[in-house]
């Protein structure tokens, strides 16, 4: 897209005056230029409002009485510049604001990690009910933690539990450290650099949860530009998309407690996984607020089907 494809600041600054004007204009521009939605904000209007409020240093939940406030010339230029960046650069909104919401919590994010958006948030807010006894959850493992949003949400939901968060990427762990400090969880949350279970000390976890890379390489190549502004390492799981998922299924046996559960997001690779193991009763979870492709297995099932998982690698 050329610079001429985006309306110039001079043209619009003459007619647009209020916060409401700029939110509406931004949404219309996003729709016209086919900005892709897929990073946690449901509509172009929502994305536009988030960016306008951010440019004006205002809270997301702004009283309607302020929407007709007239912007200063400097504010108009700042707003237009940010909205135009969303169109030209195709960066997700969270990268432009350096902030994302997950499970009702705020997180710092940048291009070193994926933008938090997993339906797993809903499970955490429900305390993984009815599959665990909250009082018996003492150890939680988050594999492929990224920004640590899942791990930190788990720490809030289970304040009595120790939470280990693992990632292979040193860059991702640097972001996770920022969020751990922001949420003051240094004593409860441990950050570990490891290739899945490989560098973990012996431990039995009551909950192992993971949103690993699960997108097939060819599928990733065809994704909209917004996704290609995120780290490829967080997406691709080999030709089938299941390379890391199969390793998790195989090795989880050695890290789950007797009453533990394994929850893994596989997204678009769900059908591939079920076809690979047609006789294994993956429990595919339903979500009130949308989302799919997340399965649950009990420790007993992980043990029962271990040999099949091992043979698939």
C-alpha atoms as a PDB file:
ATOM      1  CA  UNK A   1       0.000   0.000   0.000  1.00  0.00           C
ATOM      2  CA  UNK A   2       1.415   3.401  -0.949  1.00  0.00           C
ATOM      3  CA  UNK A   3       1.342   6.474   1.241  1.00  0.00           C
ATOM      4  CA  UNK A   4      -1.190   8.026  -1.149  1.00  0.00           C
ATOM      5  CA  UNK A   5      -3.629   5.251  -0.318  1.00  0.00           C
ATOM      6  CA  UNK A   6      -4.117   6.739   3.144  1.00  0.00           C
ATOM      7  CA  UNK A   7      -5.955  10.041   3.468  1.00  0.00           C
ATOM      8  CA  UNK A   8      -3.558  12.936   4.156  1.00  0.00           C
ATOM      9  CA  UNK A   9      -3.562  14.762   7.462  1.00  0.00           C
ATOM     10  CA  UNK A  10      -4.214  18.108   5.763  1.00  0.00           C
ATOM     11  CA  UNK A  11      -7.379  16.848   4.076  1.00  0.00           C
ATOM     12  CA  UNK A  12      -9.020  15.473   7.189  1.00  0.00           C
ATOM     13  CA  UNK A  13      -7.865  17.885   9.880  1.00  0.00           C
ATOM     14  CA  UNK A  14     -10.085  20.594   8.367  1.00  0.00           C
ATOM     15  CA  UNK A  15     -13.321  18.664   8.848  1.00  0.00           C
ATOM     16  CA  UNK A  16     -12.734  16.295  11.802  1.00  0.00           C
ATOM     17  CA  UNK A  17     -12.819  17.999  15.177  1.00  0.00           C
ATOM     18  CA  UNK A  18     -14.034  15.807  18.034  1.00  0.00           C
ATOM     19  CA  UNK A  19     -12.993  12.513  19.593  1.00  0.00           C
ATOM     20  CA  UNK A  20     -16.177  11.002  18.177  1.00  0.00           C
ATOM     21  CA  UNK A  21     -15.244  12.246  14.684  1.00  0.00           C
ATOM     22  CA  UNK A  22     -11.856  10.575  14.773  1.00  0.00           C
ATOM     23  CA  UNK A  23     -13.135   7.271  16.134  1.00  0.00           C
ATOM     24  CA  UNK A  24     -15.721   7.122  13.359  1.00  0.00           C
ATOM     25  CA  UNK A  25     -13.220   8.156  10.695  1.00  0.00           C
ATOM     26  CA  UNK A  26     -10.657   5.629  11.871  1.00  0.00           C
ATOM     27  CA  UNK A  27     -13.203   2.802  11.771  1.00  0.00           C
ATOM     28  CA  UNK A  28     -14.244   3.769   8.258  1.00  0.00           C
ATOM     29  CA  UNK A  29     -10.623   3.899   7.110  1.00  0.00           C
ATOM     30  CA  UNK A  30      -9.907   0.486   8.613  1.00  0.00           C
ATOM     31  CA  UNK A  31     -12.885  -1.003   6.818  1.00  0.00           C
ATOM     32  CA  UNK A  32     -12.010   0.680   3.511  1.00  0.00           C
ATOM     33  CA  UNK A  33      -8.423  -0.540   3.625  1.00  0.00           C
ATOM     34  CA  UNK A  34      -9.456  -4.024   4.829  1.00  0.00           C
ATOM     35  CA  UNK A  35      -7.540  -3.943   8.082  1.00  0.00           C
ATOM     36  CA  UNK A  36      -7.713  -7.481   9.440  1.00  0.00           C
ATOM     37  CA  UNK A  37      -9.348  -8.166  12.801  1.00  0.00           C
ATOM     38  CA  UNK A  38      -8.026 -11.125  14.755  1.00  0.00           C
ATOM     39  CA  UNK A  39      -6.102  -9.925  17.770  1.00  0.00           C
ATOM     40  CA  UNK A  40      -8.721  -9.580  20.460  1.00  0.00           C
ATOM     41  CA  UNK A  41     -10.701  -6.524  19.306  1.00  0.00           C
ATOM     42  CA  UNK A  42     -13.940  -7.504  17.612  1.00  0.00           C
ATOM     43  CA  UNK A  43     -14.692  -4.542  15.341  1.00  0.00           C
ATOM     44  CA  UNK A  44     -12.982  -1.768  13.403  1.00  0.00           C
ATOM     45  CA  UNK A  45     -14.810   0.687  15.656  1.00  0.00           C
ATOM     46  CA  UNK A  46     -13.307  -0.928  18.740  1.00  0.00           C
ATOM     47  CA  UNK A  47      -9.810  -0.852  17.240  1.00  0.00           C
ATOM     48  CA  UNK A  48     -10.200   2.781  16.235  1.00  0.00           C
ATOM     49  CA  UNK A  49     -11.466   3.819  19.674  1.00  0.00           C
ATOM     50  CA  UNK A  50      -8.588   2.019  21.391  1.00  0.00           C
ATOM     51  CA  UNK A  51      -6.013   3.831  19.263  1.00  0.00           C
ATOM     52  CA  UNK A  52      -7.690   7.235  19.558  1.00  0.00           C
ATOM     53  CA  UNK A  53      -7.882   6.987  23.348  1.00  0.00           C
ATOM     54  CA  UNK A  54      -4.274   5.827  23.497  1.00  0.00           C
ATOM     55  CA  UNK A  55      -3.074   8.744  21.359  1.00  0.00           C
ATOM     56  CA  UNK A  56      -4.911  11.142  23.678  1.00  0.00           C
ATOM     57  CA  UNK A  57      -3.682   9.473  26.909  1.00  0.00           C
ATOM     58  CA  UNK A  58      -7.253   8.674  27.877  1.00  0.00           C
ATOM     59  CA  UNK A  59      -8.663   5.509  29.507  1.00  0.00           C
ATOM     60  CA  UNK A  60     -10.379   2.917  27.340  1.00  0.00           C
ATOM     61  CA  UNK A  61     -13.628   3.301  29.256  1.00  0.00           C
ATOM     62  CA  UNK A  62     -14.332   6.965  28.564  1.00  0.00           C
ATOM     63  CA  UNK A  63     -17.591   8.599  29.583  1.00  0.00           C
ATOM     64  CA  UNK A  64     -19.682   9.543  26.539  1.00  0.00           C
ATOM     65  CA  UNK A  65     -19.753  13.169  27.638  1.00  0.00           C
ATOM     66  CA  UNK A  66     -16.109  13.507  26.571  1.00  0.00           C
ATOM     67  CA  UNK A  67     -16.612  12.179  23.046  1.00  0.00           C
ATOM     68  CA  UNK A  68     -17.627  15.586  21.702  1.00  0.00           C
ATOM     69  CA  UNK A  69     -14.488  17.271  23.057  1.00  0.00           C
ATOM     70  CA  UNK A  70     -12.627  19.170  20.338  1.00  0.00           C
ATOM     71  CA  UNK A  71      -9.035  18.091  19.746  1.00  0.00           C
ATOM     72  CA  UNK A  72      -6.144  20.521  19.536  1.00  0.00           C
ATOM     73  CA  UNK A  73      -4.146  20.598  16.268  1.00  0.00           C
ATOM     74  CA  UNK A  74      -1.307  18.657  17.926  1.00  0.00           C
ATOM     75  CA  UNK A  75      -3.730  16.026  19.207  1.00  0.00           C
ATOM     76  CA  UNK A  76      -5.304  15.631  15.766  1.00  0.00           C
ATOM     77  CA  UNK A  77      -1.932  15.006  14.172  1.00  0.00           C
ATOM     78  CA  UNK A  78      -1.042  12.459  16.845  1.00  0.00           C
ATOM     79  CA  UNK A  79      -4.328  10.591  16.392  1.00  0.00           C
ATOM     80  CA  UNK A  80      -4.139  10.608  12.590  1.00  0.00           C
ATOM     81  CA  UNK A  81      -0.554   9.407  12.681  1.00  0.00           C
ATOM     82  CA  UNK A  82      -1.415   6.417  14.870  1.00  0.00           C
ATOM     83  CA  UNK A  83      -4.490   5.442  12.859  1.00  0.00           C
ATOM     84  CA  UNK A  84      -2.508   5.684   9.631  1.00  0.00           C
ATOM     85  CA  UNK A  85       0.229   3.484  11.092  1.00  0.00           C
ATOM     86  CA  UNK A  86      -2.350   0.771  11.761  1.00  0.00           C
ATOM     87  CA  UNK A  87      -3.288   0.858   8.077  1.00  0.00           C
ATOM     88  CA  UNK A  88       0.160   1.170   6.520  1.00  0.00           C
ATOM     89  CA  UNK A  89       2.205  -1.062   8.818  1.00  0.00           C
ATOM     90  CA  UNK A  90      -0.507  -3.675   9.512  1.00  0.00           C
ATOM     91  CA  UNK A  91       0.699  -4.014  13.076  1.00  0.00           C
ATOM     92  CA  UNK A  92      -1.844  -5.311  15.597  1.00  0.00           C
ATOM     93  CA  UNK A  93      -3.261  -2.619  17.861  1.00  0.00           C
ATOM     94  CA  UNK A  94      -1.530  -4.108  20.907  1.00  0.00           C
ATOM     95  CA  UNK A  95       1.886  -3.476  19.351  1.00  0.00           C
ATOM     96  CA  UNK A  96       1.002   0.161  18.728  1.00  0.00           C
ATOM     97  CA  UNK A  97      -0.248   0.721  22.280  1.00  0.00           C
ATOM     98  CA  UNK A  98       2.177  -1.721  23.956  1.00  0.00           C
ATOM     99  CA  UNK A  99      -0.740  -3.062  25.949  1.00  0.00           C
ATOM    100  CA  UNK A 100      -3.136  -6.012  25.780  1.00  0.00           C
ATOM    101  CA  UNK A 101      -5.901  -7.379  27.974  1.00  0.00           C
ATOM    102  CA  UNK A 102      -6.220 -11.040  28.948  1.00  0.00           C
ATOM    103  CA  UNK A 103      -8.526 -12.572  31.559  1.00  0.00           C
ATOM    104  CA  UNK A 104      -9.396  -9.072  32.739  1.00  0.00           C
ATOM    105  CA  UNK A 105      -5.740  -8.208  33.358  1.00  0.00           C
ATOM    106  CA  UNK A 106      -3.437  -5.763  31.599  1.00  0.00           C
ATOM    107  CA  UNK A 107      -0.164  -6.881  30.017  1.00  0.00           C
ATOM    108  CA  UNK A 108       2.797  -5.241  28.333  1.00  0.00           C
ATOM    109  CA  UNK A 109       3.391  -6.654  24.852  1.00  0.00           C
ATOM    110  CA  UNK A 110       5.642  -5.900  21.922  1.00  0.00           C
ATOM    111  CA  UNK A 111       6.878  -7.637  18.787  1.00  0.00           C
ATOM    112  CA  UNK A 112       8.844 -10.213  20.813  1.00  0.00           C
ATOM    113  CA  UNK A 113       5.663 -12.082  21.777  1.00  0.00           C
ATOM    114  CA  UNK A 114       2.301 -13.001  20.300  1.00  0.00           C
ATOM    115  CA  UNK A 115      -0.616 -10.742  21.163  1.00  0.00           C
ATOM    116  CA  UNK A 116      -2.643 -12.433  23.970  1.00  0.00           C
ATOM    117  CA  UNK A 117      -6.006 -13.639  22.669  1.00  0.00           C
ATOM    118  CA  UNK A 118      -6.461 -17.280  23.674  1.00  0.00           C
ATOM    119  CA  UNK A 119      -9.880 -18.588  24.803  1.00  0.00           C
ATOM    120  CA  UNK A 120      -7.946 -20.253  27.616  1.00  0.00           C
ATOM    121  CA  UNK A 121      -8.580 -16.995  29.502  1.00  0.00           C
ATOM    122  CA  UNK A 122     -12.176 -18.084  30.015  1.00  0.00           C
ATOM    123  CA  UNK A 123     -11.069 -21.410  31.529  1.00  0.00           C
ATOM    124  CA  UNK A 124      -8.723 -19.678  33.942  1.00  0.00           C
ATOM    125  CA  UNK A 125     -11.404 -17.227  35.057  1.00  0.00           C
ATOM    126  CA  UNK A 126     -13.587 -20.273  35.821  1.00  0.00           C
ATOM    127  CA  UNK A 127     -10.768 -21.861  37.835  1.00  0.00           C
ATOM    128  CA  UNK A 128     -10.627 -24.771  35.364  1.00  0.00           C
ATOM    129  CA  UNK A 129     -13.906 -25.951  36.841  1.00  0.00           C
ATOM    130  CA  UNK A 130     -15.239 -28.614  37.003  1.00  0.00           C
ATOM    131  CA  UNK A 131     -12.036 -30.533  36.256  1.00  0.00           C
ATOM    132  CA  UNK A 132      -9.993 -29.606  39.327  1.00  0.00           C
ATOM    133  CA  UNK A 133     -10.444 -29.040  43.041  1.00  0.00           C
ATOM    134  CA  UNK A 134      -9.163 -25.500  43.515  1.00  0.00           C
ATOM    135  CA  UNK A 135      -7.716 -26.260  46.950  1.00  0.00           C
ATOM    136  CA  UNK A 136      -5.712 -29.178  45.526  1.00  0.00           C
ATOM    137  CA  UNK A 137      -4.035 -27.160  42.758  1.00  0.00           C
ATOM    138  CA  UNK A 138      -0.578 -26.443  44.142  1.00  0.00           C
ATOM    139  CA  UNK A 139       1.622 -26.592  41.044  1.00  0.00           C
ATOM    140  CA  UNK A 140       0.816 -25.180  37.582  1.00  0.00           C
ATOM    141  CA  UNK A 141       2.935 -25.299  34.433  1.00  0.00           C
ATOM    142  CA  UNK A 142       2.463 -22.957  31.475  1.00  0.00           C
ATOM    143  CA  UNK A 143       4.378 -24.192  28.420  1.00  0.00           C
ATOM    144  CA  UNK A 144       5.259 -21.698  25.653  1.00  0.00           C
ATOM    145  CA  UNK A 145       4.366 -18.827  27.946  1.00  0.00           C
ATOM    146  CA  UNK A 146       5.239 -15.874  25.672  1.00  0.00           C
ATOM    147  CA  UNK A 147       4.171 -12.727  27.522  1.00  0.00           C
ATOM    148  CA  UNK A 148       3.279 -14.923  30.546  1.00  0.00           C
ATOM    149  CA  UNK A 149      -0.365 -13.850  30.313  1.00  0.00           C
ATOM    150  CA  UNK A 150      -1.657 -17.398  30.915  1.00  0.00           C
ATOM    151  CA  UNK A 151       0.769 -18.012  33.779  1.00  0.00           C
ATOM    152  CA  UNK A 152      -0.016 -14.701  35.466  1.00  0.00           C
ATOM    153  CA  UNK A 153      -3.766 -15.188  35.098  1.00  0.00           C
ATOM    154  CA  UNK A 154      -3.312 -18.631  36.693  1.00  0.00           C
ATOM    155  CA  UNK A 155      -1.383 -17.074  39.566  1.00  0.00           C
ATOM    156  CA  UNK A 156      -4.307 -14.752  40.269  1.00  0.00           C
ATOM    157  CA  UNK A 157      -6.856 -17.565  39.992  1.00  0.00           C
ATOM    158  CA  UNK A 158      -4.842 -19.910  42.237  1.00  0.00           C
ATOM    159  CA  UNK A 159      -3.003 -17.688  44.733  1.00  0.00           C
ATOM    160  CA  UNK A 160      -1.894 -20.732  46.750  1.00  0.00           C
ATOM    161  CA  UNK A 161      -0.183 -22.372  43.751  1.00  0.00           C
ATOM    162  CA  UNK A 162       3.360 -22.157  42.464  1.00  0.00           C
ATOM    163  CA  UNK A 163       3.361 -21.343  38.764  1.00  0.00           C
ATOM    164  CA  UNK A 164       6.201 -22.270  36.404  1.00  0.00           C
ATOM    165  CA  UNK A 165       6.210 -20.521  33.013  1.00  0.00           C
ATOM    166  CA  UNK A 166       8.423 -21.915  30.253  1.00  0.00           C
ATOM    167  CA  UNK A 167       9.554 -20.570  26.899  1.00  0.00           C
ATOM    168  CA  UNK A 168      12.434 -21.318  24.560  1.00  0.00           C
ATOM    169  CA  UNK A 169      12.695 -17.681  23.449  1.00  0.00           C
ATOM    170  CA  UNK A 170      14.912 -15.470  25.597  1.00  0.00           C
ATOM    171  CA  UNK A 171      13.206 -12.430  24.046  1.00  0.00           C
ATOM    172  CA  UNK A 172       9.785 -13.690  25.113  1.00  0.00           C
ATOM    173  CA  UNK A 173      11.040 -14.315  28.637  1.00  0.00           C
ATOM    174  CA  UNK A 174      12.285 -10.725  28.811  1.00  0.00           C
ATOM    175  CA  UNK A 175       8.709  -9.579  28.131  1.00  0.00           C
ATOM    176  CA  UNK A 176       7.402 -12.108  30.655  1.00  0.00           C
ATOM    177  CA  UNK A 177       9.749 -10.615  33.275  1.00  0.00           C
ATOM    178  CA  UNK A 178       8.277  -7.169  32.653  1.00  0.00           C
ATOM    179  CA  UNK A 179       4.783  -8.524  33.233  1.00  0.00           C
ATOM    180  CA  UNK A 180       5.819 -10.531  36.292  1.00  0.00           C
ATOM    181  CA  UNK A 181       7.242  -7.353  37.824  1.00  0.00           C
ATOM    182  CA  UNK A 182       4.199  -5.311  36.813  1.00  0.00           C
ATOM    183  CA  UNK A 183       1.912  -7.777  38.594  1.00  0.00           C
ATOM    184  CA  UNK A 184       4.279  -8.216  41.574  1.00  0.00           C
ATOM    185  CA  UNK A 185       4.403 -12.002  41.294  1.00  0.00           C
ATOM    186  CA  UNK A 186       8.136 -12.678  41.637  1.00  0.00           C
ATOM    187  CA  UNK A 187       7.638 -15.007  44.602  1.00  0.00           C
ATOM    188  CA  UNK A 188       4.840 -17.058  43.038  1.00  0.00           C
ATOM    189  CA  UNK A 189       5.833 -17.166  39.366  1.00  0.00           C
ATOM    190  CA  UNK A 190       9.016 -18.822  38.100  1.00  0.00           C
ATOM    191  CA  UNK A 191      10.236 -18.114  34.554  1.00  0.00           C
ATOM    192  CA  UNK A 192      12.311 -20.828  32.929  1.00  0.00           C
ATOM    193  CA  UNK A 193      14.025 -21.057  29.549  1.00  0.00           C
ATOM    194  CA  UNK A 194      13.461 -24.534  28.170  1.00  0.00           C
ATOM    195  CA  UNK A 195      12.530 -26.400  25.017  1.00  0.00           C
ATOM    196  CA  UNK A 196       9.203 -27.597  26.424  1.00  0.00           C
ATOM    197  CA  UNK A 197       9.959 -30.042  29.282  1.00  0.00           C
ATOM    198  CA  UNK A 198      13.617 -30.600  28.401  1.00  0.00           C
ATOM    199  CA  UNK A 199      15.289 -28.352  30.986  1.00  0.00           C
ATOM    200  CA  UNK A 200      12.691 -28.651  33.741  1.00  0.00           C
ATOM    201  CA  UNK A 201      13.607 -30.157  37.103  1.00  0.00           C
ATOM    202  CA  UNK A 202      11.505 -33.127  38.248  1.00  0.00           C
ATOM    203  CA  UNK A 203       8.069 -31.946  39.320  1.00  0.00           C
ATOM    204  CA  UNK A 204       4.457 -33.106  39.195  1.00  0.00           C
ATOM    205  CA  UNK A 205       1.925 -30.490  38.129  1.00  0.00           C
ATOM    206  CA  UNK A 206      -1.777 -30.417  38.915  1.00  0.00           C
ATOM    207  CA  UNK A 207      -2.433 -28.347  35.782  1.00  0.00           C
ATOM    208  CA  UNK A 208      -0.324 -28.220  32.638  1.00  0.00           C
ATOM    209  CA  UNK A 209      -1.647 -25.633  30.208  1.00  0.00           C
ATOM    210  CA  UNK A 210      -0.169 -24.654  26.874  1.00  0.00           C
ATOM    211  CA  UNK A 211      -0.842 -22.467  23.865  1.00  0.00           C
ATOM    212  CA  UNK A 212       2.068 -23.741  21.743  1.00  0.00           C
ATOM    213  CA  UNK A 213       2.917 -23.019  18.102  1.00  0.00           C
ATOM    214  CA  UNK A 214       0.366 -25.104  16.184  1.00  0.00           C
ATOM    215  CA  UNK A 215       0.009 -23.570  12.716  1.00  0.00           C
ATOM    216  CA  UNK A 216       1.171 -25.574   9.701  1.00  0.00           C
ATOM    217  CA  UNK A 217       3.919 -23.769   7.781  1.00  0.00           C
ATOM    218  CA  UNK A 218       1.884 -23.467   4.581  1.00  0.00           C
ATOM    219  CA  UNK A 219      -1.103 -22.120   6.504  1.00  0.00           C
ATOM    220  CA  UNK A 220       1.103 -19.545   8.235  1.00  0.00           C
ATOM    221  CA  UNK A 221       2.402 -18.294   4.879  1.00  0.00           C
ATOM    222  CA  UNK A 222      -1.182 -17.567   3.817  1.00  0.00           C
ATOM    223  CA  UNK A 223      -2.199 -15.649   6.958  1.00  0.00           C
ATOM    224  CA  UNK A 224      -3.004 -11.903   6.775  1.00  0.00           C
ATOM    225  CA  UNK A 225      -0.154  -9.405   7.152  1.00  0.00           C
ATOM    226  CA  UNK A 226      -1.046  -8.621  10.776  1.00  0.00           C
ATOM    227  CA  UNK A 227       0.029 -12.126  11.802  1.00  0.00           C
ATOM    228  CA  UNK A 228       3.345 -11.764   9.993  1.00  0.00           C
ATOM    229  CA  UNK A 229       4.176  -8.842  12.281  1.00  0.00           C
ATOM    230  CA  UNK A 230       4.166 -11.348  15.157  1.00  0.00           C
ATOM    231  CA  UNK A 231       7.118 -13.711  15.791  1.00  0.00           C
ATOM    232  CA  UNK A 232       6.951 -16.727  13.468  1.00  0.00           C
ATOM    233  CA  UNK A 233       8.391 -18.841  16.262  1.00  0.00           C
ATOM    234  CA  UNK A 234       5.125 -18.424  18.156  1.00  0.00           C
ATOM    235  CA  UNK A 235       3.059 -19.745  15.235  1.00  0.00           C
ATOM    236  CA  UNK A 236       4.591 -22.533  13.213  1.00  0.00           C
ATOM    237  CA  UNK A 237       4.552 -26.134  14.374  1.00  0.00           C
ATOM    238  CA  UNK A 238       6.103 -27.855  11.375  1.00  0.00           C
ATOM    239  CA  UNK A 239       4.453 -29.114   8.218  1.00  0.00           C
ATOM    240  CA  UNK A 240       1.446 -30.524  10.069  1.00  0.00           C
ATOM    241  CA  UNK A 241       1.353 -27.877  12.790  1.00  0.00           C
ATOM    242  CA  UNK A 242       1.590 -30.581  15.446  1.00  0.00           C
ATOM    243  CA  UNK A 243       5.329 -30.983  16.040  1.00  0.00           C
ATOM    244  CA  UNK A 244       5.314 -29.401  19.499  1.00  0.00           C
ATOM    245  CA  UNK A 245       1.845 -30.668  20.407  1.00  0.00           C
ATOM    246  CA  UNK A 246       2.931 -34.285  19.901  1.00  0.00           C
ATOM    247  CA  UNK A 247       5.977 -33.753  22.087  1.00  0.00           C
ATOM    248  CA  UNK A 248       3.787 -32.262  24.826  1.00  0.00           C
ATOM    249  CA  UNK A 249       1.402 -35.214  24.647  1.00  0.00           C
ATOM    250  CA  UNK A 250       4.295 -37.668  24.846  1.00  0.00           C
ATOM    251  CA  UNK A 251       6.226 -36.079  27.717  1.00  0.00           C
ATOM    252  CA  UNK A 252       3.333 -34.833  29.873  1.00  0.00           C
ATOM    253  CA  UNK A 253       3.097 -38.293  31.438  1.00  0.00           C
ATOM    254  CA  UNK A 254       6.256 -37.606  33.433  1.00  0.00           C
ATOM    255  CA  UNK A 255       5.085 -34.236  34.783  1.00  0.00           C
ATOM    256  CA  UNK A 256       1.382 -34.617  35.628  1.00  0.00           C
ATOM    257  CA  UNK A 257       0.208 -35.401  39.154  1.00  0.00           C
ATOM    258  CA  UNK A 258      -2.163 -38.330  39.598  1.00  0.00           C
ATOM    259  CA  UNK A 259      -5.217 -36.059  39.486  1.00  0.00           C
ATOM    260  CA  UNK A 260      -3.702 -33.563  37.071  1.00  0.00           C
ATOM    261  CA  UNK A 261      -5.106 -32.258  33.784  1.00  0.00           C
ATOM    262  CA  UNK A 262      -3.500 -31.284  30.499  1.00  0.00           C
ATOM    263  CA  UNK A 263      -5.023 -28.434  28.498  1.00  0.00           C
ATOM    264  CA  UNK A 264      -3.577 -27.588  25.089  1.00  0.00           C
ATOM    265  CA  UNK A 265      -4.695 -25.163  22.401  1.00  0.00           C
ATOM    266  CA  UNK A 266      -4.268 -26.529  18.879  1.00  0.00           C
ATOM    267  CA  UNK A 267      -6.587 -24.152  17.012  1.00  0.00           C
ATOM    268  CA  UNK A 268      -6.818 -24.867  13.307  1.00  0.00           C
ATOM    269  CA  UNK A 269      -4.890 -28.137  13.758  1.00  0.00           C
ATOM    270  CA  UNK A 270      -7.661 -29.711  15.846  1.00  0.00           C
ATOM    271  CA  UNK A 271      -9.027 -31.774  12.967  1.00  0.00           C
ATOM    272  CA  UNK A 272      -5.536 -32.944  12.022  1.00  0.00           C
ATOM    273  CA  UNK A 273      -4.906 -34.080  15.601  1.00  0.00           C
ATOM    274  CA  UNK A 274      -8.206 -35.930  15.886  1.00  0.00           C
ATOM    275  CA  UNK A 275      -7.613 -37.657  12.554  1.00  0.00           C
ATOM    276  CA  UNK A 276      -4.160 -38.718  13.706  1.00  0.00           C
ATOM    277  CA  UNK A 277      -5.640 -40.271  16.862  1.00  0.00           C
ATOM    278  CA  UNK A 278      -9.214 -41.251  15.909  1.00  0.00           C
ATOM    279  CA  UNK A 279      -9.653 -43.539  18.933  1.00  0.00           C
ATOM    280  CA  UNK A 280      -8.446 -41.110  21.585  1.00  0.00           C
ATOM    281  CA  UNK A 281     -11.297 -39.257  23.354  1.00  0.00           C
ATOM    282  CA  UNK A 282      -9.935 -35.725  23.405  1.00  0.00           C
ATOM    283  CA  UNK A 283     -12.379 -33.531  25.307  1.00  0.00           C
ATOM    284  CA  UNK A 284     -12.878 -30.488  23.072  1.00  0.00           C
ATOM    285  CA  UNK A 285     -13.842 -27.565  25.262  1.00  0.00           C
ATOM    286  CA  UNK A 286     -16.690 -25.142  24.522  1.00  0.00           C
ATOM    287  CA  UNK A 287     -16.477 -21.421  25.229  1.00  0.00           C
ATOM    288  CA  UNK A 288     -19.263 -18.994  26.052  1.00  0.00           C
ATOM    289  CA  UNK A 289     -17.360 -16.079  24.514  1.00  0.00           C
ATOM    290  CA  UNK A 290     -16.180 -17.857  21.382  1.00  0.00           C
ATOM    291  CA  UNK A 291     -13.160 -19.912  20.441  1.00  0.00           C
ATOM    292  CA  UNK A 292     -12.400 -23.560  19.823  1.00  0.00           C
ATOM    293  CA  UNK A 293      -9.564 -25.996  19.173  1.00  0.00           C
ATOM    294  CA  UNK A 294      -8.632 -26.569  22.829  1.00  0.00           C
ATOM    295  CA  UNK A 295      -8.588 -30.063  24.292  1.00  0.00           C
ATOM    296  CA  UNK A 296      -8.384 -31.475  27.783  1.00  0.00           C
ATOM    297  CA  UNK A 297      -6.987 -34.833  28.867  1.00  0.00           C
ATOM    298  CA  UNK A 298      -6.734 -36.214  32.392  1.00  0.00           C
ATOM    299  CA  UNK A 299      -3.479 -37.620  33.748  1.00  0.00           C
ATOM    300  CA  UNK A 300      -5.055 -41.062  33.533  1.00  0.00           C
ATOM    301  CA  UNK A 301      -5.753 -40.597  29.811  1.00  0.00           C
ATOM    302  CA  UNK A 302      -2.274 -39.218  29.152  1.00  0.00           C
ATOM    303  CA  UNK A 303      -0.886 -42.340  30.798  1.00  0.00           C
ATOM    304  CA  UNK A 304      -3.298 -44.661  28.996  1.00  0.00           C
ATOM    305  CA  UNK A 305      -2.478 -43.379  25.516  1.00  0.00           C
ATOM    306  CA  UNK A 306       1.191 -42.634  26.102  1.00  0.00           C
ATOM    307  CA  UNK A 307       2.429 -45.321  23.748  1.00  0.00           C
ATOM    308  CA  UNK A 308       0.310 -44.014  20.877  1.00  0.00           C
ATOM    309  CA  UNK A 309       1.579 -40.499  21.446  1.00  0.00           C
ATOM    310  CA  UNK A 310       5.172 -41.706  21.605  1.00  0.00           C
ATOM    311  CA  UNK A 311       4.880 -43.667  18.365  1.00  0.00           C
ATOM    312  CA  UNK A 312       3.625 -40.579  16.514  1.00  0.00           C
ATOM    313  CA  UNK A 313       6.872 -38.648  16.935  1.00  0.00           C
END
